[in-house]
C-alpha atoms as a PDB file:
ATOM      1  CA  MET A   1      -0.034  -0.034  -0.069  1.00  0.00           C
ATOM      2  CA  PRO A   2       1.176   3.453  -0.446  1.00  0.00           C
ATOM      3  CA  ARG A   3       2.088   3.839   3.282  1.00  0.00           C
ATOM      4  CA  THR A   4       4.663   0.890   3.176  1.00  0.00           C
ATOM      5  CA  HIS A   5       6.262   1.857   0.002  1.00  0.00           C
ATOM      6  CA  ARG A   6       5.908   5.800   0.355  1.00  0.00           C
ATOM      7  CA  ALA A   7       8.260   7.543  -1.966  1.00  0.00           C
ATOM      8  CA  ALA A   8       8.746  10.985  -3.323  1.00  0.00           C
ATOM      9  CA  LEU A   9      10.503  13.442  -5.517  1.00  0.00           C
ATOM     10  CA  ALA A  10       8.499  16.576  -6.178  1.00  0.00           C
ATOM     11  CA  LEU A  11      11.014  17.980  -8.699  1.00  0.00           C
ATOM     12  CA  VAL A  12      10.394  15.147 -11.083  1.00  0.00           C
ATOM     13  CA  THR A  13       6.647  15.820 -11.436  1.00  0.00           C
ATOM     14  CA  ALA A  14       6.842  18.413 -13.971  1.00  0.00           C
ATOM     15  CA  ALA A  15       8.726  15.877 -16.278  1.00  0.00           C
ATOM     16  CA  LEU A  16       6.179  13.192 -15.924  1.00  0.00           C
ATOM     17  CA  SER A  17       3.729  12.910 -18.851  1.00  0.00           C
ATOM     18  CA  ILE A  18       0.030  12.817 -17.623  1.00  0.00           C
ATOM     19  CA  GLY A  19      -1.972   9.959 -19.142  1.00  0.00           C
ATOM     20  CA  MET A  20      -5.648   9.344 -19.394  1.00  0.00           C
ATOM     21  CA  LEU A  21      -7.454   7.077 -16.766  1.00  0.00           C
ATOM     22  CA  ALA A  22      -9.978   4.677 -17.428  1.00  0.00           C
ATOM     23  CA  GLY A  23     -13.494   6.159 -17.597  1.00  0.00           C
ATOM     24  CA  SER A  24     -15.318   7.426 -14.581  1.00  0.00           C
ATOM     25  CA  PRO A  25     -16.004  10.987 -13.752  1.00  0.00           C
ATOM     26  CA  ALA A  26     -14.084  10.771 -10.596  1.00  0.00           C
ATOM     27  CA  ALA A  27     -11.111   9.199 -12.245  1.00  0.00           C
ATOM     28  CA  ALA A  28     -10.854  12.239 -14.657  1.00  0.00           C
ATOM     29  CA  GLY A  29      -9.702  14.341 -11.824  1.00  0.00           C
ATOM     30  CA  VAL A  30      -6.978  12.034 -10.593  1.00  0.00           C
ATOM     31  CA  LYS A  31      -4.483  12.740 -13.197  1.00  0.00           C
ATOM     32  CA  SER A  32      -2.378  15.798 -12.039  1.00  0.00           C
ATOM     33  CA  ALA A  33       0.853  16.862 -10.710  1.00  0.00           C
ATOM     34  CA  CYS A  34       2.048  18.097  -7.411  1.00  0.00           C
ATOM     35  CA  GLY A  35       0.609  21.550  -6.834  1.00  0.00           C
ATOM     36  CA  ASP A  36      -2.424  21.101  -9.191  1.00  0.00           C
ATOM     37  CA  PRO A  37      -5.941  21.475  -7.924  1.00  0.00           C
ATOM     38  CA  TYR A  38      -7.286  18.169  -6.917  1.00  0.00           C
ATOM     39  CA  ASN A  39     -10.882  17.380  -6.351  1.00  0.00           C
ATOM     40  CA  PRO A  40     -12.191  13.967  -7.551  1.00  0.00           C
ATOM     41  CA  ALA A  41     -15.965  13.782  -7.919  1.00  0.00           C
ATOM     42  CA  ILE A  42     -16.794  10.648  -5.805  1.00  0.00           C
ATOM     43  CA  THR A  43     -20.444   9.409  -6.229  1.00  0.00           C
ATOM     44  CA  PRO A  44     -21.263   6.368  -4.067  1.00  0.00           C
ATOM     45  CA  ALA A  45     -23.450   4.889  -6.858  1.00  0.00           C
ATOM     46  CA  ASP A  46     -20.252   4.671  -9.017  1.00  0.00           C
ATOM     47  CA  PHE A  47     -18.916   2.108  -6.684  1.00  0.00           C
ATOM     48  CA  THR A  48     -22.061  -0.236  -6.508  1.00  0.00           C
ATOM     49  CA  ASN A  49     -23.493  -2.726  -9.075  1.00  0.00           C
ATOM     50  CA  ALA A  50     -26.900  -2.843 -10.424  1.00  0.00           C
ATOM     51  CA  HIS A  51     -28.375  -4.333  -7.232  1.00  0.00           C
ATOM     52  CA  GLY A  52     -26.685  -1.765  -5.098  1.00  0.00           C
ATOM     53  CA  LYS A  53     -24.123  -4.016  -3.789  1.00  0.00           C
ATOM     54  CA  PRO A  54     -20.519  -2.873  -3.467  1.00  0.00           C
ATOM     55  CA  ASN A  55     -18.406  -3.837  -6.506  1.00  0.00           C
ATOM     56  CA  PRO A  56     -15.913  -6.694  -6.070  1.00  0.00           C
ATOM     57  CA  ILE A  57     -12.322  -5.533  -6.198  1.00  0.00           C
ATOM     58  CA  ASN A  58     -11.314  -7.696  -9.136  1.00  0.00           C
ATOM     59  CA  ASN A  59      -8.981  -5.438 -11.068  1.00  0.00           C
ATOM     60  CA  PRO A  60      -6.454  -7.983 -12.683  1.00  0.00           C
ATOM     61  CA  TYR A  61      -3.417  -6.002 -11.359  1.00  0.00           C
ATOM     62  CA  ASN A  62      -4.788  -5.485  -7.902  1.00  0.00           C
ATOM     63  CA  PRO A  63      -7.470  -7.977  -6.896  1.00  0.00           C
ATOM     64  CA  LEU A  64      -8.573  -7.824  -3.216  1.00  0.00           C
ATOM     65  CA  ARG A  65     -10.702 -10.825  -2.588  1.00  0.00           C
ATOM     66  CA  PRO A  66     -11.928 -10.992   1.092  1.00  0.00           C
ATOM     67  CA  GLY A  67     -10.236 -13.910   2.881  1.00  0.00           C
ATOM     68  CA  THR A  68      -6.936 -13.772   0.921  1.00  0.00           C
ATOM     69  CA  THR A  69      -3.643 -13.256   2.687  1.00  0.00           C
ATOM     70  CA  TYR A  70      -0.435 -12.152   0.998  1.00  0.00           C
ATOM     71  CA  VAL A  71       2.792 -12.703   2.505  1.00  0.00           C
ATOM     72  CA  TYR A  72       5.995 -10.836   1.633  1.00  0.00           C
ATOM     73  CA  ASP A  73       9.617 -11.257   2.917  1.00  0.00           C
ATOM     74  CA  GLY A  74      12.591  -8.959   2.326  1.00  0.00           C
ATOM     75  CA  SER A  75      14.671  -6.411   4.206  1.00  0.00           C
ATOM     76  CA  LYS A  76      14.414  -2.978   5.720  1.00  0.00           C
ATOM     77  CA  ASP A  77      17.674  -1.038   6.484  1.00  0.00           C
ATOM     78  CA  GLY A  78      19.584  -4.284   6.537  1.00  0.00           C
ATOM     79  CA  GLU A  79      17.174  -6.153   8.860  1.00  0.00           C
ATOM     80  CA  ALA A  80      14.753  -8.950   8.008  1.00  0.00           C
ATOM     81  CA  GLN A  81      11.258  -7.572   7.159  1.00  0.00           C
ATOM     82  CA  HIS A  82       8.081  -9.759   7.158  1.00  0.00           C
ATOM     83  CA  ASP A  83       4.766  -8.328   5.753  1.00  0.00           C
ATOM     84  CA  VAL A  84       1.350 -10.018   6.114  1.00  0.00           C
ATOM     85  CA  VAL A  85      -1.390  -8.362   4.143  1.00  0.00           C
ATOM     86  CA  ALA A  86      -4.893  -9.797   4.768  1.00  0.00           C
ATOM     87  CA  VAL A  87      -7.932  -8.725   2.757  1.00  0.00           C
ATOM     88  CA  THR A  88     -10.581  -9.053   5.562  1.00  0.00           C
ATOM     89  CA  LYS A  89     -14.263  -9.571   5.281  1.00  0.00           C
ATOM     90  CA  SER A  90     -14.937  -6.401   7.145  1.00  0.00           C
ATOM     91  CA  THR A  91     -16.095  -3.042   5.319  1.00  0.00           C
ATOM     92  CA  LYS A  92     -16.120   0.560   6.313  1.00  0.00           C
ATOM     93  CA  SER A  93     -18.336   3.212   4.882  1.00  0.00           C
ATOM     94  CA  ILE A  94     -16.284   6.317   3.985  1.00  0.00           C
ATOM     95  CA  ILE A  95     -17.955   9.458   2.257  1.00  0.00           C
ATOM     96  CA  GLY A  96     -20.802   7.153   1.288  1.00  0.00           C
ATOM     97  CA  VAL A  97     -18.771   4.443  -0.356  1.00  0.00           C
ATOM     98  CA  THR A  98     -18.397   0.911   1.242  1.00  0.00           C
ATOM     99  CA  THR A  99     -14.782   0.103   1.360  1.00  0.00           C
ATOM    100  CA  VAL A 100     -12.998  -3.128   1.887  1.00  0.00           C
ATOM    101  CA  VAL A 101     -10.651  -3.229   4.858  1.00  0.00           C
ATOM    102  CA  VAL A 102      -7.200  -4.591   4.430  1.00  0.00           C
ATOM    103  CA  ARG A 103      -4.835  -5.272   7.383  1.00  0.00           C
ATOM    104  CA  ASP A 104      -1.200  -4.926   6.821  1.00  0.00           C
ATOM    105  CA  ILE A 105       1.050  -6.276   9.616  1.00  0.00           C
ATOM    106  CA  VAL A 106       4.829  -5.570   9.368  1.00  0.00           C
ATOM    107  CA  THR A 107       7.742  -6.887  11.350  1.00  0.00           C
ATOM    108  CA  VAL A 108      11.325  -6.029  11.337  1.00  0.00           C
ATOM    109  CA  ALA A 109      13.872  -8.028  12.898  1.00  0.00           C
ATOM    110  CA  GLY A 110      11.230 -10.128  14.530  1.00  0.00           C
ATOM    111  CA  PHE A 111       9.483  -7.218  16.299  1.00  0.00           C
ATOM    112  CA  LEU A 112       6.129  -5.665  15.370  1.00  0.00           C
ATOM    113  CA  ALA A 113       6.747  -2.476  13.357  1.00  0.00           C
ATOM    114  CA  GLU A 114       3.550  -1.443  11.887  1.00  0.00           C
ATOM    115  CA  ASP A 115      -0.076  -2.346  12.179  1.00  0.00           C
ATOM    116  CA  THR A 116      -2.312  -0.699   9.525  1.00  0.00           C
ATOM    117  CA  LEU A 117      -5.881  -0.907   8.370  1.00  0.00           C
ATOM    118  CA  ASP A 118      -6.125   0.368   4.636  1.00  0.00           C
ATOM    119  CA  TRP A 119      -9.584   1.097   2.939  1.00  0.00           C
ATOM    120  CA  PHE A 120     -10.145   0.392  -0.793  1.00  0.00           C
ATOM    121  CA  ALA A 121     -13.061   0.407  -3.259  1.00  0.00           C
ATOM    122  CA  GLN A 122     -13.496  -0.304  -7.054  1.00  0.00           C
ATOM    123  CA  ASP A 123     -15.391   1.964  -9.224  1.00  0.00           C
ATOM    124  CA  ASP A 124     -17.650   0.850 -12.129  1.00  0.00           C
ATOM    125  CA  ALA A 125     -14.867   1.381 -14.660  1.00  0.00           C
ATOM    126  CA  GLY A 126     -12.438  -0.975 -12.665  1.00  0.00           C
ATOM    127  CA  ASN A 127     -10.095   1.571 -11.099  1.00  0.00           C
ATOM    128  CA  VAL A 128      -9.322   0.699  -7.554  1.00  0.00           C
ATOM    129  CA  TRP A 129      -9.520   3.655  -5.150  1.00  0.00           C
ATOM    130  CA  TYR A 130      -7.647   4.274  -1.870  1.00  0.00           C
ATOM    131  CA  PHE A 131      -9.771   5.962   0.828  1.00  0.00           C
ATOM    132  CA  GLY A 132      -7.183   6.086   3.680  1.00  0.00           C
ATOM    133  CA  GLU A 133      -5.619   4.260   6.502  1.00  0.00           C
ATOM    134  CA  ASP A 134      -5.342   3.772  10.277  1.00  0.00           C
ATOM    135  CA  THR A 135      -1.719   3.210  10.887  1.00  0.00           C
ATOM    136  CA  LYS A 136       0.265   2.621  14.120  1.00  0.00           C
ATOM    137  CA  GLU A 137       4.240   2.226  14.487  1.00  0.00           C
ATOM    138  CA  TYR A 138       5.679   0.375  17.267  1.00  0.00           C
ATOM    139  CA  ASP A 139       8.971   0.229  19.156  1.00  0.00           C
ATOM    140  CA  GLN A 140      10.366  -2.963  20.106  1.00  0.00           C
ATOM    141  CA  GLN A 141       8.665  -2.933  23.541  1.00  0.00           C
ATOM    142  CA  GLY A 142       5.334  -2.895  21.791  1.00  0.00           C
ATOM    143  CA  ASN A 143       4.499   0.745  22.402  1.00  0.00           C
ATOM    144  CA  VAL A 144       2.763   2.778  19.804  1.00  0.00           C
ATOM    145  CA  ILE A 145       5.194   5.545  18.829  1.00  0.00           C
ATOM    146  CA  SER A 146       3.503   7.146  15.963  1.00  0.00           C
ATOM    147  CA  THR A 147       0.186   7.278  14.192  1.00  0.00           C
ATOM    148  CA  PHE A 148       1.644   9.816  11.579  1.00  0.00           C
ATOM    149  CA  GLY A 149       0.457   9.044   7.918  1.00  0.00           C
ATOM    150  CA  SER A 150      -3.194   8.101   9.068  1.00  0.00           C
ATOM    151  CA  TRP A 151      -5.710   9.778   7.141  1.00  0.00           C
ATOM    152  CA  GLU A 152      -9.481   9.083   5.960  1.00  0.00           C
ATOM    153  CA  ALA A 153     -11.102  10.617   2.792  1.00  0.00           C
ATOM    154  CA  GLY A 154     -13.693  13.285   3.890  1.00  0.00           C
ATOM    155  CA  VAL A 155     -11.786  14.170   7.116  1.00  0.00           C
ATOM    156  CA  ASP A 156      -9.972  17.566   7.368  1.00  0.00           C
ATOM    157  CA  GLY A 157      -9.945  17.800   3.453  1.00  0.00           C
ATOM    158  CA  ALA A 158      -8.542  14.514   2.716  1.00  0.00           C
ATOM    159  CA  LYS A 159      -9.506  12.972  -0.623  1.00  0.00           C
ATOM    160  CA  PRO A 160      -9.262   9.429  -2.021  1.00  0.00           C
ATOM    161  CA  GLY A 161      -6.957   8.503  -4.922  1.00  0.00           C
ATOM    162  CA  ILE A 162      -6.420   5.633  -7.325  1.00  0.00           C
ATOM    163  CA  VAL A 163      -3.889   3.005  -6.561  1.00  0.00           C
ATOM    164  CA  MET A 164      -4.468   0.895  -9.721  1.00  0.00           C
ATOM    165  CA  GLU A 165      -6.097   2.030 -12.945  1.00  0.00           C
ATOM    166  CA  ALA A 166      -8.593  -0.181 -14.798  1.00  0.00           C
ATOM    167  CA  ALA A 167      -6.428   0.096 -18.057  1.00  0.00           C
ATOM    168  CA  PRO A 168      -2.964   1.235 -17.232  1.00  0.00           C
ATOM    169  CA  ALA A 169      -0.872   2.868 -19.939  1.00  0.00           C
ATOM    170  CA  ILE A 170       2.732   3.886 -19.836  1.00  0.00           C
ATOM    171  CA  GLY A 171       3.010   7.518 -19.018  1.00  0.00           C
ATOM    172  CA  ASP A 172      -0.149   7.724 -16.900  1.00  0.00           C
ATOM    173  CA  THR A 173       0.635   9.589 -13.608  1.00  0.00           C
ATOM    174  CA  TYR A 174      -2.103   9.906 -11.095  1.00  0.00           C
ATOM    175  CA  ARG A 175      -2.606  10.599  -7.228  1.00  0.00           C
ATOM    176  CA  GLN A 176      -2.925   7.788  -4.960  1.00  0.00           C
ATOM    177  CA  GLU A 177      -4.053   9.670  -1.966  1.00  0.00           C
ATOM    178  CA  PHE A 178      -4.278  13.187  -0.821  1.00  0.00           C
ATOM    179  CA  ALA A 179      -4.250  14.540   2.942  1.00  0.00           C
ATOM    180  CA  ALA A 180      -2.209  17.716   2.835  1.00  0.00           C
ATOM    181  CA  ALA A 181       1.207  17.416   4.421  1.00  0.00           C
ATOM    182  CA  VAL A 182       0.303  13.962   5.643  1.00  0.00           C
ATOM    183  CA  ALA A 183      -0.209  11.644   2.477  1.00  0.00           C
ATOM    184  CA  GLU A 184       0.484  12.808  -1.107  1.00  0.00           C
ATOM    185  CA  ASP A 185       1.642   9.947  -2.905  1.00  0.00           C
ATOM    186  CA  MET A 186       1.433   9.678  -6.662  1.00  0.00           C
ATOM    187  CA  ALA A 187       2.435   7.009  -9.196  1.00  0.00           C
ATOM    188  CA  SER A 188       3.493   6.754 -12.961  1.00  0.00           C
ATOM    189  CA  VAL A 189       3.034   3.695 -15.187  1.00  0.00           C
ATOM    190  CA  ALA A 190       6.539   2.839 -16.430  1.00  0.00           C
ATOM    191  CA  SER A 191       6.202  -0.527 -17.962  1.00  0.00           C
ATOM    192  CA  LEU A 192       3.649  -3.151 -18.835  1.00  0.00           C
ATOM    193  CA  ASN A 193       6.040  -6.083 -19.948  1.00  0.00           C
ATOM    194  CA  GLU A 194       8.409  -6.891 -17.200  1.00  0.00           C
ATOM    195  CA  THR A 195       9.588 -10.318 -16.092  1.00  0.00           C
ATOM    196  CA  ILE A 196       9.938 -10.958 -12.399  1.00  0.00           C
ATOM    197  CA  THR A 197      10.897 -13.899 -10.304  1.00  0.00           C
ATOM    198  CA  VAL A 198      10.062 -13.868  -6.668  1.00  0.00           C
ATOM    199  CA  PRO A 199       9.760 -16.749  -4.161  1.00  0.00           C
ATOM    200  CA  TYR A 200       6.116 -17.225  -5.090  1.00  0.00           C
ATOM    201  CA  GLY A 201       7.094 -17.761  -8.905  1.00  0.00           C
ATOM    202  CA  THR A 202       7.963 -16.173 -12.149  1.00  0.00           C
ATOM    203  CA  PHE A 203       5.538 -13.765 -13.857  1.00  0.00           C
ATOM    204  CA  ASP A 204       5.575 -12.165 -17.343  1.00  0.00           C
ATOM    205  CA  GLN A 205       3.829  -9.128 -18.538  1.00  0.00           C
ATOM    206  CA  VAL A 206       4.236  -7.523 -15.172  1.00  0.00           C
ATOM    207  CA  LEU A 207       3.181  -3.910 -14.608  1.00  0.00           C
ATOM    208  CA  ARG A 208       5.969  -1.609 -13.161  1.00  0.00           C
ATOM    209  CA  THR A 209       5.160   1.723 -11.422  1.00  0.00           C
ATOM    210  CA  LYS A 210       7.220   4.462 -10.253  1.00  0.00           C
ATOM    211  CA  GLU A 211       6.054   5.920  -7.152  1.00  0.00           C
ATOM    212  CA  PHE A 212       6.687   9.301  -5.396  1.00  0.00           C
ATOM    213  CA  SER A 213       5.574  11.878  -3.041  1.00  0.00           C
ATOM    214  CA  CYS A 214       4.852  15.550  -3.211  1.00  0.00           C
ATOM    215  CA  ILE A 215       6.067  15.916   0.431  1.00  0.00           C
ATOM    216  CA  GLU A 216       9.024  13.485   0.849  1.00  0.00           C
ATOM    217  CA  ALA A 217      12.269  12.572  -1.206  1.00  0.00           C
ATOM    218  CA  GLY A 218      12.907   9.396  -3.091  1.00  0.00           C
ATOM    219  CA  LEU A 219      11.478   7.089  -5.533  1.00  0.00           C
ATOM    220  CA  ASP A 220       9.827   3.567  -5.151  1.00  0.00           C
ATOM    221  CA  TYR A 221       9.291   0.942  -7.764  1.00  0.00           C
ATOM    222  CA  LYS A 222       6.423  -1.609  -7.519  1.00  0.00           C
ATOM    223  CA  TYR A 223       5.558  -4.659  -9.710  1.00  0.00           C
ATOM    224  CA  TYR A 224       2.196  -6.016 -10.247  1.00  0.00           C
ATOM    225  CA  ALA A 225       1.348  -9.397 -11.787  1.00  0.00           C
ATOM    226  CA  GLN A 226      -2.045 -10.060 -13.464  1.00  0.00           C
ATOM    227  CA  GLY A 227      -4.384 -12.084 -11.269  1.00  0.00           C
ATOM    228  CA  ILE A 228      -2.116 -11.801  -8.220  1.00  0.00           C
ATOM    229  CA  GLY A 229      -1.449  -8.011  -7.672  1.00  0.00           C
ATOM    230  CA  PHE A 230       1.712  -6.678  -5.914  1.00  0.00           C
ATOM    231  CA  ILE A 231       4.554  -9.133  -6.197  1.00  0.00           C
ATOM    232  CA  TYR A 232       7.766  -7.021  -5.722  1.00  0.00           C
ATOM    233  CA  GLY A 233       8.904  -3.653  -4.485  1.00  0.00           C
ATOM    234  CA  VAL A 234      12.107  -1.614  -4.079  1.00  0.00           C
ATOM    235  CA  ALA A 235      11.729   1.347  -1.950  1.00  0.00           C
ATOM    236  CA  ARG A 236      13.899   4.320  -0.317  1.00  0.00           C
ATOM    237  CA  GLY A 237      16.749   3.637  -2.781  1.00  0.00           C
ATOM    238  CA  GLY A 238      17.002   0.067  -2.152  1.00  0.00           C
ATOM    239  CA  LYS A 239      16.946   0.223   1.631  1.00  0.00           C
ATOM    240  CA  GLU A 240      13.454  -1.618   1.590  1.00  0.00           C
ATOM    241  CA  VAL A 241      12.825  -4.651  -0.444  1.00  0.00           C
ATOM    242  CA  LEU A 242       9.770  -7.043  -0.534  1.00  0.00           C
ATOM    243  CA  SER A 243       9.204 -10.017  -2.471  1.00  0.00           C
ATOM    244  CA  LEU A 244       5.874 -12.204  -2.633  1.00  0.00           C
ATOM    245  CA  THR A 245       6.370 -15.522  -0.877  1.00  0.00           C
ATOM    246  CA  SER A 246       2.903 -16.692  -0.499  1.00  0.00           C
ATOM    247  CA  VAL A 247      -0.930 -16.335  -1.165  1.00  0.00           C
ATOM    248  CA  LYS A 248      -3.296 -17.997   1.110  1.00  0.00           C
END
């Protein structure tokens, strides 16, 4: 999720081309650059099917099927990192949209480092939206030392963004989240034809995104396989690396 792999480089924004997002009225407002006005038009009906039920999140590059758990292993600052991402059966209503709750638990060197609830929904066009997160960071004694990065769409001017387009195209650049001075991640589609091997397997035609923030320095690279989702990431100039090891 954007929190775990947060990256930035505001200076590169002007050089990034702005592509077209797959068609929903809200999505049209997401393509932007740092400093541009941002006001996606969120209509709850755009996130439901003909029977009024929430759309399943079945985007090929970012499926979030309740009951699925993704396990990642890698390193952070030279220490072993273990990341368990569970798509729960719980939901949360945010600005009238029913979102799926995803729990992300990170351990570093065997100690709990972060425990986060992320909220996602898919619009009728197939774009996957990010509506916020409730995050806690811990010290090695199990004490909460920070909740910075937490935000919720509709609270204090925060607005949702797209974490995966319905039809990614090279050069597309879009906001993934917006909470001023708290969460301002963006992404650009860099490739659609990567081949990546991780402990879980080898994947072709992998999507690679380049992610950055308007308020922090650095670049992250994330890789998504069709039918699986996020499989590999390199963040903070290589100081943090994660690979998919299992899907349950």
